[in-house]
């Protein structure tokens, strides 16, 4: 992919203020000081596009960069920077979660990992959050030039081995350096492939469902109703005591259905 134009398109304090577009978005996130701005500048070959700072955790907004007038790079605030007030940390956490879970234009999230470090608990926990919510993401190892090719490869291999202790398979892995351009072609090639996919709001491009609280509540209600119907067919009156004009106790439901093949009590009814 050739990037002919890259320009700053605006900042937003929350997902509800982000641009109303129908273009693919590729979000970049990671711990503070992981080299996110430098990576974005390397990918676009625009040295000052994403502002770098000597102060970790400075970004407090969702920043959009329009690429070739056809897709966006999104710079999300970094996480894990403790030197903030509880109020700011809560605000950042909500901003990140809302964008990741609600922004339907987000085609992929690139999670940046410092290749020099051992697996950090906060990164591993964040990956679990992404997996639990079925968020499509890739892992991008940064700052490999600081280690040398051989050591960097060893660090990445050990990191992947650690992940495979809990994961059946790994997401796409990219190894990069903002200093010498390592990984640029691979990342842009991957983005180019995904740009050919339909947007999620048109039809699903990937297996990604945004699980808002409303979605979860509706799903639970449907499942409970289904179980209730099956229980009543199997054992009429098990879920309702007409003589008492109300619901039977949990203990009574268990007693009335403990001999059935399907036990609604064990299913959460």
Protein backbone atom coordinates (compact mmCIF):
# COMPACT_ATOMS: atom_id res chain seq x y z
CA UNK A 1 0.00 0.00 0.00
CA UNK A 2 1.16 3.50 -0.84
CA UNK A 3 0.07 6.30 1.48
CA UNK A 4 -0.32 9.40 -0.62
CA UNK A 5 -2.05 11.56 1.97
CA UNK A 6 -2.37 11.48 5.75
CA UNK A 7 -3.93 14.30 7.71
CA UNK A 8 -5.24 15.00 11.18
CA UNK A 9 -9.04 14.80 11.09
CA UNK A 10 -9.91 15.81 14.64
CA UNK A 11 -10.04 14.82 18.30
CA UNK A 12 -12.98 13.65 20.38
CA UNK A 13 -13.50 13.35 24.15
CA UNK A 14 -15.71 10.29 23.67
CA UNK A 15 -17.10 7.86 21.10
CA UNK A 16 -20.30 9.89 20.76
CA UNK A 17 -18.24 12.82 19.43
CA UNK A 18 -16.23 10.85 16.86
CA UNK A 19 -16.73 11.45 13.10
CA UNK A 20 -19.92 10.06 11.58
CA UNK A 21 -18.30 8.19 8.68
CA UNK A 22 -18.64 4.99 6.68
CA UNK A 23 -14.94 4.20 6.48
CA UNK A 24 -12.77 1.53 8.04
CA UNK A 25 -10.96 2.54 11.22
CA UNK A 26 -7.82 0.91 12.64
CA UNK A 27 -7.24 1.83 16.25
CA UNK A 28 -3.86 1.77 17.99
CA UNK A 29 -3.55 1.33 21.73
CA UNK A 30 -1.03 0.24 24.33
CA UNK A 31 0.59 1.10 27.63
CA UNK A 32 1.89 4.63 27.97
CA UNK A 33 5.32 5.13 26.40
CA UNK A 34 5.02 2.03 24.19
CA UNK A 35 5.86 4.06 21.07
CA UNK A 36 2.37 4.49 19.63
CA UNK A 37 2.81 7.95 18.12
CA UNK A 38 6.18 7.03 16.63
CA UNK A 39 4.65 3.92 15.02
CA UNK A 40 1.80 5.93 13.47
CA UNK A 41 4.29 8.45 12.09
CA UNK A 42 6.42 5.62 10.69
CA UNK A 43 3.45 3.95 8.99
CA UNK A 44 2.32 7.19 7.34
CA UNK A 45 5.84 8.55 6.78
CA UNK A 46 4.68 11.84 8.29
CA UNK A 47 7.10 12.74 11.03
CA UNK A 48 4.84 15.10 12.98
CA UNK A 49 1.42 13.60 12.26
CA UNK A 50 0.91 12.02 15.68
CA UNK A 51 2.51 14.19 18.33
CA UNK A 52 5.05 12.43 20.51
CA UNK A 53 5.81 13.64 24.00
CA UNK A 54 8.40 13.09 26.68
CA UNK A 55 5.52 12.95 29.17
CA UNK A 56 3.87 9.49 29.23
CA UNK A 57 0.08 9.34 29.23
CA UNK A 58 -0.40 12.80 27.76
CA UNK A 59 -3.07 11.79 25.24
CA UNK A 60 -6.54 12.28 26.71
CA UNK A 61 -8.59 12.26 23.50
CA UNK A 62 -9.51 9.93 20.63
CA UNK A 63 -7.52 11.21 17.65
CA UNK A 64 -8.51 10.45 14.05
CA UNK A 65 -6.14 10.60 11.08
CA UNK A 66 -7.61 10.32 7.58
CA UNK A 67 -5.50 8.23 5.21
CA UNK A 68 -5.83 8.54 1.42
CA UNK A 69 -9.33 9.96 1.96
CA UNK A 70 -10.54 6.36 2.36
CA UNK A 71 -9.76 5.01 5.85
CA UNK A 72 -8.72 6.14 9.33
CA UNK A 73 -5.95 5.52 11.80
CA UNK A 74 -7.25 6.12 15.32
CA UNK A 75 -4.87 7.00 18.15
CA UNK A 76 -6.45 5.94 21.43
CA UNK A 77 -5.22 7.12 24.86
CA UNK A 78 -2.60 4.89 26.45
CA UNK A 79 -3.40 2.88 29.54
CA UNK A 80 -1.40 1.95 32.62
CA UNK A 81 -0.07 5.40 33.49
CA UNK A 82 -0.64 5.64 37.23
CA UNK A 83 0.34 9.27 37.77
CA UNK A 84 -3.19 10.55 37.19
CA UNK A 85 -6.12 11.33 39.41
CA UNK A 86 -8.74 8.62 39.94
CA UNK A 87 -11.20 10.81 38.09
CA UNK A 88 -8.96 11.02 35.01
CA UNK A 89 -8.24 7.29 35.09
CA UNK A 90 -11.96 6.49 35.26
CA UNK A 91 -12.64 8.88 32.38
CA UNK A 92 -9.93 7.32 30.22
CA UNK A 93 -11.12 3.81 31.02
CA UNK A 94 -14.69 4.66 29.99
CA UNK A 95 -13.49 6.42 26.82
CA UNK A 96 -11.40 3.43 25.72
CA UNK A 97 -14.06 0.83 26.54
CA UNK A 98 -16.84 2.80 24.84
CA UNK A 99 -14.86 3.24 21.64
CA UNK A 100 -13.70 -0.40 21.47
CA UNK A 101 -17.13 -1.87 22.21
CA UNK A 102 -19.40 0.62 20.46
CA UNK A 103 -17.53 1.96 17.43
CA UNK A 104 -18.85 -0.18 14.58
CA UNK A 105 -16.40 1.31 12.06
CA UNK A 106 -13.46 -0.11 14.01
CA UNK A 107 -12.26 -2.96 11.81
CA UNK A 108 -9.25 -3.94 13.91
CA UNK A 109 -7.51 -2.91 17.11
CA UNK A 110 -3.71 -2.97 17.08
CA UNK A 111 -2.42 -3.65 20.58
CA UNK A 112 1.15 -2.41 21.01
CA UNK A 113 3.58 -4.33 23.23
CA UNK A 114 7.12 -3.21 24.14
CA UNK A 115 9.33 -6.04 22.88
CA UNK A 116 11.96 -5.33 25.55
CA UNK A 117 9.70 -6.26 28.46
CA UNK A 118 8.47 -9.48 29.98
CA UNK A 119 4.69 -10.03 29.68
CA UNK A 120 3.02 -7.37 31.79
CA UNK A 121 -0.07 -8.24 33.84
CA UNK A 122 -1.97 -5.19 32.62
CA UNK A 123 -1.43 -6.15 28.95
CA UNK A 124 -2.46 -9.76 29.52
CA UNK A 125 -5.58 -8.63 31.35
CA UNK A 126 -6.44 -6.24 28.53
CA UNK A 127 -6.11 -9.08 26.00
CA UNK A 128 -8.52 -11.15 28.07
CA UNK A 129 -10.99 -8.27 27.98
CA UNK A 130 -10.71 -8.09 24.18
CA UNK A 131 -11.16 -11.83 23.78
CA UNK A 132 -14.16 -11.98 26.13
CA UNK A 133 -15.86 -9.24 24.11
CA UNK A 134 -14.89 -10.76 20.74
CA UNK A 135 -12.97 -7.68 19.65
CA UNK A 136 -10.80 -8.29 16.55
CA UNK A 137 -7.25 -7.36 17.47
CA UNK A 138 -3.62 -7.89 16.50
CA UNK A 139 -0.45 -7.68 18.57
CA UNK A 140 2.27 -5.28 17.45
CA UNK A 141 5.67 -5.58 19.11
CA UNK A 142 7.49 -2.25 19.16
CA UNK A 143 11.04 -0.96 19.71
CA UNK A 144 12.75 -4.08 18.36
CA UNK A 145 15.69 -1.95 17.15
CA UNK A 146 16.64 -1.43 20.81
CA UNK A 147 17.38 -5.14 21.16
CA UNK A 148 18.90 -6.31 17.92
CA UNK A 149 17.27 -8.77 15.52
CA UNK A 150 18.23 -12.00 17.30
CA UNK A 151 17.28 -10.90 20.82
CA UNK A 152 14.08 -9.30 19.61
CA UNK A 153 13.05 -12.53 17.88
CA UNK A 154 13.77 -14.47 21.08
CA UNK A 155 11.72 -12.09 23.21
CA UNK A 156 8.77 -12.25 20.82
CA UNK A 157 8.93 -16.06 20.71
CA UNK A 158 8.94 -16.32 24.51
CA UNK A 159 6.05 -13.87 24.77
CA UNK A 160 4.01 -15.96 22.32
CA UNK A 161 4.84 -19.12 24.25
CA UNK A 162 3.51 -17.47 27.39
CA UNK A 163 0.26 -16.55 25.62
CA UNK A 164 -0.18 -20.07 24.30
CA UNK A 165 -0.28 -21.34 27.86
CA UNK A 166 -3.79 -19.86 28.05
CA UNK A 167 -4.77 -19.30 24.41
CA UNK A 168 -5.58 -22.00 21.86
CA UNK A 169 -4.39 -19.77 19.03
CA UNK A 170 -2.82 -16.34 18.72
CA UNK A 171 -4.08 -13.24 16.95
CA UNK A 172 -1.99 -11.86 14.06
CA UNK A 173 1.51 -10.85 15.26
CA UNK A 174 3.60 -7.99 13.87
CA UNK A 175 7.18 -7.10 14.78
CA UNK A 176 8.07 -3.45 14.23
CA UNK A 177 10.58 -0.69 14.72
CA UNK A 178 9.75 2.98 14.22
CA UNK A 179 13.46 3.74 13.84
CA UNK A 180 14.23 1.54 10.84
CA UNK A 181 10.76 0.86 9.43
CA UNK A 182 10.63 -2.83 10.29
CA UNK A 183 7.12 -4.24 9.90
CA UNK A 184 5.72 -1.30 7.94
CA UNK A 185 4.94 -3.22 4.75
CA UNK A 186 3.41 -6.10 6.70
CA UNK A 187 1.11 -3.85 8.73
CA UNK A 188 -0.03 -1.79 5.75
CA UNK A 189 -0.53 -4.94 3.69
CA UNK A 190 -2.76 -6.35 6.42
CA UNK A 191 -4.77 -3.12 6.54
CA UNK A 192 -5.10 -3.12 2.75
CA UNK A 193 -6.58 -6.63 2.86
CA UNK A 194 -9.12 -5.60 5.51
CA UNK A 195 -10.05 -2.46 3.58
CA UNK A 196 -11.48 -4.76 0.93
CA UNK A 197 -13.94 -6.21 3.45
CA UNK A 198 -17.41 -4.70 3.96
CA UNK A 199 -17.93 -2.48 6.95
CA UNK A 200 -19.59 -4.12 9.94
CA UNK A 201 -22.52 -1.72 9.75
CA UNK A 202 -23.25 -3.00 6.22
CA UNK A 203 -22.70 -6.70 6.96
CA UNK A 204 -20.27 -8.39 9.34
CA UNK A 205 -16.70 -8.26 8.07
CA UNK A 206 -15.47 -10.29 11.02
CA UNK A 207 -16.96 -12.21 13.93
CA UNK A 208 -17.31 -9.21 16.17
CA UNK A 209 -20.37 -8.39 18.25
CA UNK A 210 -20.49 -5.28 20.37
CA UNK A 211 -21.76 -6.52 23.71
CA UNK A 212 -23.38 -3.54 25.38
CA UNK A 213 -25.24 -3.95 28.64
CA UNK A 214 -28.52 -3.80 26.74
CA UNK A 215 -27.46 -6.63 24.44
CA UNK A 216 -26.49 -8.82 27.38
CA UNK A 217 -29.73 -8.11 29.26
CA UNK A 218 -31.85 -8.95 26.20
CA UNK A 219 -29.92 -12.16 25.57
CA UNK A 220 -30.29 -13.23 29.20
CA UNK A 221 -34.01 -12.49 29.15
CA UNK A 222 -34.50 -14.60 26.00
CA UNK A 223 -32.50 -17.50 27.43
CA UNK A 224 -34.43 -17.35 30.70
CA UNK A 225 -37.74 -17.30 28.85
CA UNK A 226 -36.67 -20.30 26.76
CA UNK A 227 -35.65 -22.30 29.83
CA UNK A 228 -38.89 -21.34 31.58
CA UNK A 229 -40.97 -22.63 28.66
CA UNK A 230 -39.10 -25.95 28.55
CA UNK A 231 -39.45 -26.35 32.31
CA UNK A 232 -43.20 -25.78 32.23
CA UNK A 233 -43.66 -28.33 29.43
CA UNK A 234 -41.61 -30.92 31.27
CA UNK A 235 -43.21 -30.27 34.66
CA UNK A 236 -46.34 -28.10 34.58
CA UNK A 237 -46.56 -25.77 37.55
CA UNK A 238 -42.92 -26.13 38.59
CA UNK A 239 -42.24 -22.43 38.20
CA UNK A 240 -45.50 -21.08 39.61
CA UNK A 241 -47.58 -21.90 42.66
CA UNK A 242 -51.17 -20.82 41.91
CA UNK A 243 -52.37 -21.65 45.44
CA UNK A 244 -49.94 -19.14 46.83
CA UNK A 245 -50.55 -16.57 44.06
CA UNK A 246 -46.84 -16.11 43.50
CA UNK A 247 -43.51 -17.69 42.68
CA UNK A 248 -42.47 -20.78 44.56
CA UNK A 249 -39.25 -20.68 46.51
CA UNK A 250 -35.94 -21.61 44.95
CA UNK A 251 -35.78 -24.72 47.16
CA UNK A 252 -39.24 -25.83 46.02
CA UNK A 253 -38.36 -25.42 42.34
CA UNK A 254 -35.28 -27.57 42.90
CA UNK A 255 -37.31 -30.24 44.70
CA UNK A 256 -39.97 -30.33 42.00
CA UNK A 257 -37.50 -30.66 39.13
CA UNK A 258 -34.64 -32.68 40.59
CA UNK A 259 -35.85 -35.84 38.83
CA UNK A 260 -36.09 -34.21 35.39
CA UNK A 261 -33.45 -34.59 32.67
CA UNK A 262 -33.56 -30.81 32.24
CA UNK A 263 -33.19 -28.98 35.54
CA UNK A 264 -34.17 -25.32 35.18
CA UNK A 265 -32.84 -24.60 38.65
CA UNK A 266 -29.31 -25.46 37.57
CA UNK A 267 -29.78 -23.30 34.48
CA UNK A 268 -30.28 -20.16 36.55
CA UNK A 269 -34.07 -20.01 36.81
